[in-house]
């Protein structure tokens, strides 16, 4: 009986899966990535942006729609309790994404994204865990912000705004 139910549900589930659209780019635009400054952080941003655009098949190096961006990480120390025993460092990542139509020389999209995380740090500079935590948080923040851009990029208005 169980095998019969499975045999009935298998073709139905295959039918539903085949009806799901794979390409979710509503405006069918392809994008290229402009040079991103910021040394190592800029390279991480460019790689993550390239990976997500390429996986969605909306990356084209010769496209007229260029994504220009810059990344900024701000570290801030704060103490969370009255006893002053828990030192934490907050890392705030801000990325400004601008999509420019190079043919019409106008801005299609301009948005600043920001996210922050913190970690409890060891009191000595000799601990490598502090440096590793900072690099991991910077990378995670960058990935989160790139995902936010990718979710918004599907609904970009193709008409030029004077921004």
N, C-alpha and C. Protein backbone atom coordinates (compact mmCIF):
# COMPACT_ATOMS: atom_id res chain seq x y z
N UNK A 1 0.82 -1.20 0.00
CA UNK A 1 0.00 0.00 0.00
C UNK A 1 0.86 1.27 0.00
N UNK A 2 1.91 1.24 0.81
CA UNK A 2 2.80 2.38 0.90
C UNK A 2 3.50 2.63 -0.44
N UNK A 3 3.90 1.56 -1.12
CA UNK A 3 4.57 1.70 -2.41
C UNK A 3 3.63 2.27 -3.47
N UNK A 4 2.40 1.91 -3.40
CA UNK A 4 1.42 2.43 -4.37
C UNK A 4 1.23 3.93 -4.18
N UNK A 5 1.16 4.37 -2.93
CA UNK A 5 1.02 5.80 -2.67
C UNK A 5 2.25 6.56 -3.17
N UNK A 6 3.42 6.00 -2.94
CA UNK A 6 4.63 6.65 -3.43
C UNK A 6 4.65 6.74 -4.95
N UNK A 7 4.21 5.69 -5.61
CA UNK A 7 4.17 5.70 -7.07
C UNK A 7 3.16 6.70 -7.61
N UNK A 8 2.13 6.97 -6.86
CA UNK A 8 1.13 7.95 -7.28
C UNK A 8 1.67 9.37 -7.08
N UNK A 9 2.32 9.61 -5.93
CA UNK A 9 2.81 10.95 -5.61
C UNK A 9 4.07 11.34 -6.37
N UNK A 10 4.83 10.38 -6.84
CA UNK A 10 6.06 10.69 -7.57
C UNK A 10 5.80 11.48 -8.85
N UNK A 11 4.90 11.03 -9.74
CA UNK A 11 4.66 11.84 -10.96
C UNK A 11 4.04 13.20 -10.66
N UNK A 12 3.22 13.26 -9.62
CA UNK A 12 2.60 14.54 -9.26
C UNK A 12 3.67 15.52 -8.78
N UNK A 13 4.59 15.05 -7.93
CA UNK A 13 5.64 15.94 -7.43
C UNK A 13 6.58 16.36 -8.56
N UNK A 14 6.87 15.48 -9.48
CA UNK A 14 7.71 15.84 -10.63
C UNK A 14 7.02 16.90 -11.48
N UNK A 15 5.73 16.81 -11.64
CA UNK A 15 4.97 17.79 -12.39
C UNK A 15 5.06 19.17 -11.71
N UNK A 16 4.89 19.22 -10.41
CA UNK A 16 4.98 20.49 -9.69
C UNK A 16 6.37 21.09 -9.77
N UNK A 17 7.39 20.27 -9.64
CA UNK A 17 8.76 20.77 -9.71
C UNK A 17 9.08 21.30 -11.10
N UNK A 18 8.56 20.64 -12.13
CA UNK A 18 8.85 21.09 -13.49
C UNK A 18 8.12 22.39 -13.84
N UNK A 19 7.07 22.72 -13.11
CA UNK A 19 6.32 23.95 -13.38
C UNK A 19 6.92 25.17 -12.69
N UNK A 20 7.86 24.98 -11.80
CA UNK A 20 8.47 26.10 -11.09
C UNK A 20 9.47 26.79 -12.01
N UNK A 21 9.36 28.11 -12.18
CA UNK A 21 10.31 28.81 -13.05
C UNK A 21 11.69 28.84 -12.41
N UNK A 22 12.71 28.66 -13.22
CA UNK A 22 14.07 28.66 -12.69
C UNK A 22 14.68 30.04 -12.71
N UNK A 23 14.40 30.81 -13.72
CA UNK A 23 14.97 32.15 -13.82
C UNK A 23 13.97 33.14 -13.25
N UNK A 24 14.33 33.81 -12.17
CA UNK A 24 13.42 34.72 -11.50
C UNK A 24 13.73 36.17 -11.82
N UNK A 25 14.54 36.44 -12.80
CA UNK A 25 14.87 37.80 -13.18
C UNK A 25 13.69 38.37 -13.98
N UNK A 26 12.94 39.27 -13.36
CA UNK A 26 11.72 39.76 -13.97
C UNK A 26 11.95 40.74 -15.12
N UNK A 27 13.08 41.46 -15.10
CA UNK A 27 13.30 42.45 -16.15
C UNK A 27 14.30 41.98 -17.20
N UNK A 28 14.82 40.77 -17.07
CA UNK A 28 15.71 40.14 -18.05
C UNK A 28 16.95 40.98 -18.37
N UNK A 29 17.45 41.71 -17.39
CA UNK A 29 18.68 42.47 -17.59
C UNK A 29 19.87 41.64 -17.17
N UNK A 30 21.00 41.90 -17.81
CA UNK A 30 22.26 41.31 -17.40
C UNK A 30 23.17 42.43 -16.95
N UNK A 31 24.02 42.13 -15.99
CA UNK A 31 24.84 43.15 -15.35
C UNK A 31 26.32 42.80 -15.43
N UNK A 32 27.14 43.83 -15.42
CA UNK A 32 28.57 43.66 -15.28
C UNK A 32 29.01 44.38 -14.01
N UNK A 33 30.20 44.06 -13.55
CA UNK A 33 30.70 44.62 -12.30
C UNK A 33 31.85 45.56 -12.61
N UNK A 34 31.76 46.77 -12.10
CA UNK A 34 32.83 47.74 -12.25
C UNK A 34 33.91 47.48 -11.21
N UNK A 35 35.03 48.16 -11.34
CA UNK A 35 36.12 48.02 -10.37
C UNK A 35 35.63 48.44 -8.98
N UNK A 36 35.96 47.63 -7.97
CA UNK A 36 35.58 47.91 -6.60
C UNK A 36 36.84 48.16 -5.80
N UNK A 37 36.96 49.35 -5.25
CA UNK A 37 38.14 49.67 -4.44
C UNK A 37 37.96 49.10 -3.04
N UNK A 38 39.00 49.15 -2.25
CA UNK A 38 38.91 48.68 -0.88
C UNK A 38 39.80 47.51 -0.60
N UNK A 39 40.78 47.28 -1.45
CA UNK A 39 41.77 46.23 -1.29
C UNK A 39 41.10 44.87 -1.05
N UNK A 40 41.41 44.23 0.06
CA UNK A 40 40.93 42.86 0.32
C UNK A 40 39.40 42.83 0.46
N UNK A 41 38.83 43.80 1.15
CA UNK A 41 37.37 43.84 1.31
C UNK A 41 36.67 44.04 -0.02
N UNK A 42 37.27 44.83 -0.91
CA UNK A 42 36.70 45.02 -2.24
C UNK A 42 36.75 43.75 -3.08
N UNK A 43 37.83 42.98 -2.92
CA UNK A 43 37.94 41.71 -3.65
C UNK A 43 36.88 40.73 -3.16
N UNK A 44 36.67 40.68 -1.85
CA UNK A 44 35.63 39.79 -1.30
C UNK A 44 34.26 40.19 -1.84
N UNK A 45 33.98 41.50 -1.84
CA UNK A 45 32.69 41.98 -2.35
C UNK A 45 32.53 41.62 -3.83
N UNK A 46 33.55 41.85 -4.62
CA UNK A 46 33.45 41.56 -6.05
C UNK A 46 33.25 40.07 -6.30
N UNK A 47 33.96 39.21 -5.56
CA UNK A 47 33.82 37.77 -5.74
C UNK A 47 32.42 37.30 -5.37
N UNK A 48 31.89 37.79 -4.26
CA UNK A 48 30.55 37.37 -3.84
C UNK A 48 29.50 37.87 -4.82
N UNK A 49 29.66 39.11 -5.27
CA UNK A 49 28.72 39.66 -6.25
C UNK A 49 28.77 38.88 -7.55
N UNK A 50 29.97 38.56 -8.01
CA UNK A 50 30.13 37.77 -9.24
C UNK A 50 29.49 36.40 -9.08
N UNK A 51 29.73 35.73 -7.94
CA UNK A 51 29.18 34.39 -7.72
C UNK A 51 27.65 34.39 -7.78
N UNK A 52 27.02 35.35 -7.10
CA UNK A 52 25.56 35.37 -7.08
C UNK A 52 24.98 35.75 -8.44
N UNK A 53 25.56 36.73 -9.11
CA UNK A 53 25.06 37.10 -10.44
C UNK A 53 25.24 35.96 -11.43
N UNK A 54 26.38 35.31 -11.37
CA UNK A 54 26.67 34.21 -12.29
C UNK A 54 25.76 33.02 -12.03
N UNK A 55 25.47 32.73 -10.77
CA UNK A 55 24.60 31.58 -10.47
C UNK A 55 23.17 31.83 -10.94
N UNK A 56 22.75 33.09 -10.98
CA UNK A 56 21.41 33.42 -11.47
C UNK A 56 21.39 33.66 -12.98
N UNK A 57 22.56 33.54 -13.61
CA UNK A 57 22.71 33.72 -15.05
C UNK A 57 22.32 35.13 -15.48
N UNK A 58 22.68 36.12 -14.66
CA UNK A 58 22.41 37.50 -15.03
C UNK A 58 23.71 38.31 -15.06
N UNK A 59 24.83 37.62 -15.20
CA UNK A 59 26.12 38.29 -15.32
C UNK A 59 26.58 38.25 -16.77
N UNK A 60 26.97 39.39 -17.29
CA UNK A 60 27.56 39.49 -18.62
C UNK A 60 28.61 40.59 -18.56
N UNK A 61 29.85 40.22 -18.79
CA UNK A 61 30.96 41.16 -18.66
C UNK A 61 30.86 42.32 -19.64
N UNK A 62 30.18 42.12 -20.75
CA UNK A 62 30.06 43.17 -21.76
C UNK A 62 28.74 43.93 -21.66
N UNK A 63 28.03 43.77 -20.57
CA UNK A 63 26.75 44.44 -20.41
C UNK A 63 26.93 45.95 -20.23
N UNK A 64 25.93 46.71 -20.65
CA UNK A 64 25.94 48.16 -20.48
C UNK A 64 25.48 48.59 -19.09
N UNK A 65 24.95 47.66 -18.32
CA UNK A 65 24.48 47.96 -16.97
C UNK A 65 25.57 47.55 -15.98
N UNK A 66 26.31 48.53 -15.48
CA UNK A 66 27.44 48.28 -14.58
C UNK A 66 27.01 48.48 -13.14
N UNK A 67 27.45 47.55 -12.30
CA UNK A 67 27.23 47.68 -10.86
C UNK A 67 28.48 48.30 -10.27
N UNK A 68 28.31 49.48 -9.70
CA UNK A 68 29.41 50.17 -9.03
C UNK A 68 29.12 50.12 -7.54
N UNK A 69 30.14 49.84 -6.75
CA UNK A 69 29.91 49.75 -5.31
C UNK A 69 31.19 50.06 -4.55
N UNK A 70 30.99 50.35 -3.29
CA UNK A 70 32.10 50.50 -2.37
C UNK A 70 31.69 49.95 -1.01
N UNK A 71 32.66 49.47 -0.26
CA UNK A 71 32.39 48.81 1.01
C UNK A 71 33.14 49.53 2.11
N UNK A 72 32.50 49.65 3.27
CA UNK A 72 33.10 50.30 4.42
C UNK A 72 32.76 49.50 5.67
N UNK A 73 33.79 49.14 6.44
CA UNK A 73 33.61 48.42 7.70
C UNK A 73 34.00 49.37 8.83
N UNK A 74 33.15 49.49 9.83
CA UNK A 74 33.43 50.32 11.00
C UNK A 74 33.41 49.44 12.24
N UNK A 75 34.51 49.46 12.98
CA UNK A 75 34.61 48.70 14.23
C UNK A 75 34.36 49.65 15.39
N UNK A 76 33.53 49.19 16.35
CA UNK A 76 33.21 50.02 17.50
C UNK A 76 33.21 49.14 18.76
N UNK A 77 33.90 49.55 19.76
CA UNK A 77 33.99 48.83 21.02
C UNK A 77 32.89 49.30 21.95
N UNK A 78 32.22 48.36 22.58
CA UNK A 78 31.24 48.74 23.59
C UNK A 78 31.15 47.68 24.66
N UNK A 79 30.68 48.07 25.81
CA UNK A 79 30.55 47.21 26.98
C UNK A 79 29.07 47.07 27.27
N UNK A 80 28.62 45.82 27.47
CA UNK A 80 27.19 45.56 27.51
C UNK A 80 26.59 45.46 28.90
N UNK A 81 27.38 45.26 29.95
CA UNK A 81 26.77 45.09 31.26
C UNK A 81 27.37 46.04 32.29
N UNK A 82 26.79 46.07 33.46
CA UNK A 82 27.20 46.99 34.51
C UNK A 82 28.57 46.63 35.08
N UNK A 83 28.89 45.35 35.15
CA UNK A 83 30.15 44.90 35.75
C UNK A 83 31.36 45.17 34.86
N UNK A 84 31.15 45.57 33.64
CA UNK A 84 32.22 45.82 32.68
C UNK A 84 33.09 44.58 32.45
N UNK A 85 32.48 43.42 32.46
CA UNK A 85 33.24 42.19 32.27
C UNK A 85 33.09 41.61 30.87
N UNK A 86 32.19 42.14 30.10
CA UNK A 86 31.92 41.59 28.78
C UNK A 86 32.21 42.63 27.71
N UNK A 87 33.44 42.67 27.23
CA UNK A 87 33.80 43.60 26.16
C UNK A 87 33.41 43.00 24.82
N UNK A 88 32.80 43.80 24.02
CA UNK A 88 32.36 43.36 22.70
C UNK A 88 32.80 44.36 21.65
N UNK A 89 32.96 43.86 20.47
CA UNK A 89 33.29 44.74 19.35
C UNK A 89 32.21 44.57 18.29
N UNK A 90 31.64 45.68 17.90
CA UNK A 90 30.61 45.67 16.87
C UNK A 90 31.24 46.05 15.54
N UNK A 91 30.90 45.30 14.52
CA UNK A 91 31.39 45.58 13.17
C UNK A 91 30.19 45.90 12.30
N UNK A 92 30.17 47.12 11.80
CA UNK A 92 29.09 47.58 10.94
C UNK A 92 29.63 47.68 9.52
N UNK A 93 28.94 47.03 8.60
CA UNK A 93 29.34 47.03 7.20
C UNK A 93 28.32 47.83 6.40
N UNK A 94 28.81 48.77 5.63
CA UNK A 94 27.96 49.57 4.75
C UNK A 94 28.45 49.40 3.32
N UNK A 95 27.52 49.12 2.44
CA UNK A 95 27.85 48.99 1.02
C UNK A 95 26.86 49.84 0.23
N UNK A 96 27.41 50.68 -0.63
CA UNK A 96 26.59 51.48 -1.52
C UNK A 96 26.63 50.84 -2.90
N UNK A 97 25.46 50.42 -3.38
CA UNK A 97 25.35 49.82 -4.70
C UNK A 97 24.72 50.83 -5.65
N UNK A 98 25.34 50.99 -6.80
CA UNK A 98 24.80 51.88 -7.83
C UNK A 98 24.85 51.13 -9.15
N UNK A 99 23.72 51.06 -9.84
CA UNK A 99 23.66 50.42 -11.15
C UNK A 99 23.48 51.53 -12.18
N UNK A 100 24.43 51.58 -13.12
CA UNK A 100 24.49 52.67 -14.09
C UNK A 100 24.28 52.11 -15.49
N UNK A 101 23.41 52.75 -16.23
CA UNK A 101 23.22 52.45 -17.65
C UNK A 101 24.24 53.29 -18.41
N UNK A 102 25.25 52.63 -18.99
CA UNK A 102 26.33 53.36 -19.64
C UNK A 102 25.93 53.92 -21.00
N UNK A 103 24.92 53.37 -21.63
CA UNK A 103 24.48 53.87 -22.94
C UNK A 103 23.78 55.23 -22.76
N UNK A 104 22.84 55.29 -21.82
CA UNK A 104 22.09 56.52 -21.58
C UNK A 104 22.76 57.42 -20.53
N UNK A 105 23.83 56.94 -19.95
CA UNK A 105 24.58 57.67 -18.93
C UNK A 105 23.66 58.15 -17.80
N UNK A 106 22.98 57.18 -17.18
CA UNK A 106 22.09 57.51 -16.08
C UNK A 106 22.12 56.40 -15.03
N UNK A 107 21.61 56.73 -13.87
CA UNK A 107 21.60 55.79 -12.75
C UNK A 107 20.25 55.08 -12.71
N UNK A 108 20.28 53.75 -12.77
CA UNK A 108 19.06 52.97 -12.67
C UNK A 108 18.69 52.69 -11.22
N UNK A 109 19.70 52.53 -10.38
CA UNK A 109 19.46 52.13 -9.00
C UNK A 109 20.59 52.65 -8.14
N UNK A 110 20.25 53.19 -6.98
CA UNK A 110 21.26 53.68 -6.05
C UNK A 110 20.74 53.43 -4.63
N UNK A 111 21.40 52.56 -3.91
CA UNK A 111 20.92 52.18 -2.58
C UNK A 111 22.09 51.88 -1.66
N UNK A 112 21.98 52.31 -0.42
CA UNK A 112 22.97 52.01 0.62
C UNK A 112 22.37 50.92 1.52
N UNK A 113 23.14 49.85 1.71
CA UNK A 113 22.74 48.77 2.60
C UNK A 113 23.69 48.76 3.80
N UNK A 114 23.16 48.38 4.96
CA UNK A 114 23.99 48.35 6.16
C UNK A 114 23.55 47.21 7.06
N UNK A 115 24.54 46.55 7.66
CA UNK A 115 24.26 45.47 8.61
C UNK A 115 25.39 45.47 9.64
N UNK A 116 25.08 45.01 10.85
CA UNK A 116 26.12 44.97 11.88
C UNK A 116 26.01 43.69 12.71
N UNK A 117 27.15 43.25 13.20
CA UNK A 117 27.25 42.09 14.10
C UNK A 117 28.31 42.41 15.14
N UNK A 118 28.32 41.63 16.21
CA UNK A 118 29.35 41.84 17.22
C UNK A 118 29.88 40.49 17.68
N UNK A 119 31.00 40.56 18.37
CA UNK A 119 31.59 39.38 18.98
C UNK A 119 32.24 39.78 20.30
N UNK A 120 32.35 38.82 21.21
CA UNK A 120 33.03 39.04 22.47
C UNK A 120 34.50 38.74 22.23
N UNK A 121 35.35 39.69 22.52
CA UNK A 121 36.75 39.50 22.17
C UNK A 121 37.61 39.24 23.39
N UNK A 122 38.71 38.56 23.12
CA UNK A 122 39.71 38.28 24.16
C UNK A 122 40.50 39.54 24.42
N UNK A 123 41.04 39.68 25.62
CA UNK A 123 41.65 40.94 26.03
C UNK A 123 43.06 41.15 25.49
N UNK A 124 43.65 40.18 24.85
CA UNK A 124 45.02 40.33 24.38
C UNK A 124 45.05 40.36 22.85
N UNK A 125 45.99 41.09 22.30
CA UNK A 125 46.16 41.16 20.85
C UNK A 125 46.80 39.90 20.30
N UNK A 126 47.35 39.05 21.16
CA UNK A 126 48.03 37.86 20.70
C UNK A 126 47.06 36.75 20.30
N UNK A 127 45.79 36.88 20.69
CA UNK A 127 44.82 35.86 20.34
C UNK A 127 44.43 36.00 18.88
N UNK A 128 44.60 34.94 18.13
CA UNK A 128 44.23 34.96 16.71
C UNK A 128 42.73 34.91 16.51
N UNK A 129 42.00 34.48 17.54
CA UNK A 129 40.56 34.36 17.39
C UNK A 129 39.91 35.72 17.16
N UNK A 130 40.47 36.78 17.72
CA UNK A 130 39.92 38.12 17.48
C UNK A 130 40.01 38.48 16.00
N UNK A 131 41.17 38.26 15.40
CA UNK A 131 41.35 38.60 13.99
C UNK A 131 40.49 37.72 13.10
N UNK A 132 40.40 36.44 13.44
CA UNK A 132 39.56 35.53 12.65
C UNK A 132 38.09 35.90 12.75
N UNK A 133 37.66 36.30 13.95
CA UNK A 133 36.27 36.70 14.13
C UNK A 133 35.95 37.94 13.30
N UNK A 134 36.86 38.90 13.28
CA UNK A 134 36.64 40.12 12.50
C UNK A 134 36.54 39.79 11.02
N UNK A 135 37.44 38.98 10.50
CA UNK A 135 37.42 38.62 9.08
C UNK A 135 36.16 37.84 8.73
N UNK A 136 35.74 36.94 9.60
CA UNK A 136 34.54 36.13 9.36
C UNK A 136 33.30 37.03 9.36
N UNK A 137 33.21 37.94 10.31
CA UNK A 137 32.05 38.83 10.37
C UNK A 137 32.02 39.76 9.16
N UNK A 138 33.17 40.28 8.75
CA UNK A 138 33.21 41.14 7.56
C UNK A 138 32.73 40.37 6.33
N UNK A 139 33.18 39.14 6.19
CA UNK A 139 32.78 38.32 5.05
C UNK A 139 31.29 38.00 5.11
N UNK A 140 30.78 37.65 6.29
CA UNK A 140 29.36 37.34 6.43
C UNK A 140 28.49 38.57 6.16
N UNK A 141 28.90 39.72 6.69
CA UNK A 141 28.15 40.95 6.45
C UNK A 141 28.10 41.28 4.96
N UNK A 142 29.23 41.12 4.29
CA UNK A 142 29.29 41.40 2.85
C UNK A 142 28.34 40.47 2.10
N UNK A 143 28.34 39.20 2.47
CA UNK A 143 27.46 38.25 1.80
C UNK A 143 25.98 38.58 2.04
N UNK A 144 25.65 38.97 3.24
CA UNK A 144 24.26 39.34 3.56
C UNK A 144 23.82 40.52 2.70
N UNK A 145 24.68 41.51 2.57
CA UNK A 145 24.31 42.71 1.80
C UNK A 145 24.23 42.42 0.30
N UNK A 146 25.08 41.54 -0.19
CA UNK A 146 25.00 41.15 -1.61
C UNK A 146 23.68 40.40 -1.86
N UNK A 147 23.28 39.56 -0.93
CA UNK A 147 22.00 38.86 -1.07
C UNK A 147 20.84 39.85 -1.10
N UNK A 148 20.91 40.89 -0.27
CA UNK A 148 19.86 41.90 -0.28
C UNK A 148 19.80 42.60 -1.64
N UNK A 149 20.95 42.92 -2.20
CA UNK A 149 20.97 43.54 -3.53
C UNK A 149 20.38 42.61 -4.57
N UNK A 150 20.75 41.35 -4.54
CA UNK A 150 20.26 40.39 -5.54
C UNK A 150 18.74 40.26 -5.44
N UNK A 151 18.20 40.31 -4.22
CA UNK A 151 16.74 40.24 -4.07
C UNK A 151 16.06 41.48 -4.62
N UNK A 152 16.70 42.62 -4.56
CA UNK A 152 16.12 43.87 -5.08
C UNK A 152 16.34 44.03 -6.58
N UNK A 153 17.39 43.43 -7.10
CA UNK A 153 17.79 43.64 -8.49
C UNK A 153 16.75 43.11 -9.49
N UNK A 154 15.93 42.18 -9.05
CA UNK A 154 14.92 41.61 -9.94
C UNK A 154 13.83 42.62 -10.28
N UNK A 155 13.65 43.62 -9.42
CA UNK A 155 12.54 44.55 -9.60
C UNK A 155 12.99 45.95 -9.97
N UNK A 156 14.19 46.08 -10.50
CA UNK A 156 14.71 47.39 -10.85
C UNK A 156 13.95 47.96 -12.05
N UNK A 157 13.63 49.22 -11.96
CA UNK A 157 12.97 49.92 -13.04
C UNK A 157 14.00 50.20 -14.14
N UNK A 158 13.68 49.87 -15.36
CA UNK A 158 14.63 50.03 -16.47
C UNK A 158 14.74 51.49 -16.89
N UNK A 159 13.76 52.30 -16.59
CA UNK A 159 13.80 53.72 -16.96
C UNK A 159 14.81 54.43 -16.08
N UNK A 160 15.48 55.40 -16.65
CA UNK A 160 16.52 56.13 -15.93
C UNK A 160 15.90 57.12 -14.95
N UNK A 161 16.47 57.15 -13.75
CA UNK A 161 16.11 58.16 -12.75
C UNK A 161 17.24 59.17 -12.70
N UNK A 162 16.93 60.37 -12.44
CA UNK A 162 17.97 61.38 -12.27
C UNK A 162 18.34 61.44 -10.81
N UNK A 163 19.21 60.49 -10.39
CA UNK A 163 19.61 60.39 -9.00
C UNK A 163 21.05 60.75 -8.83
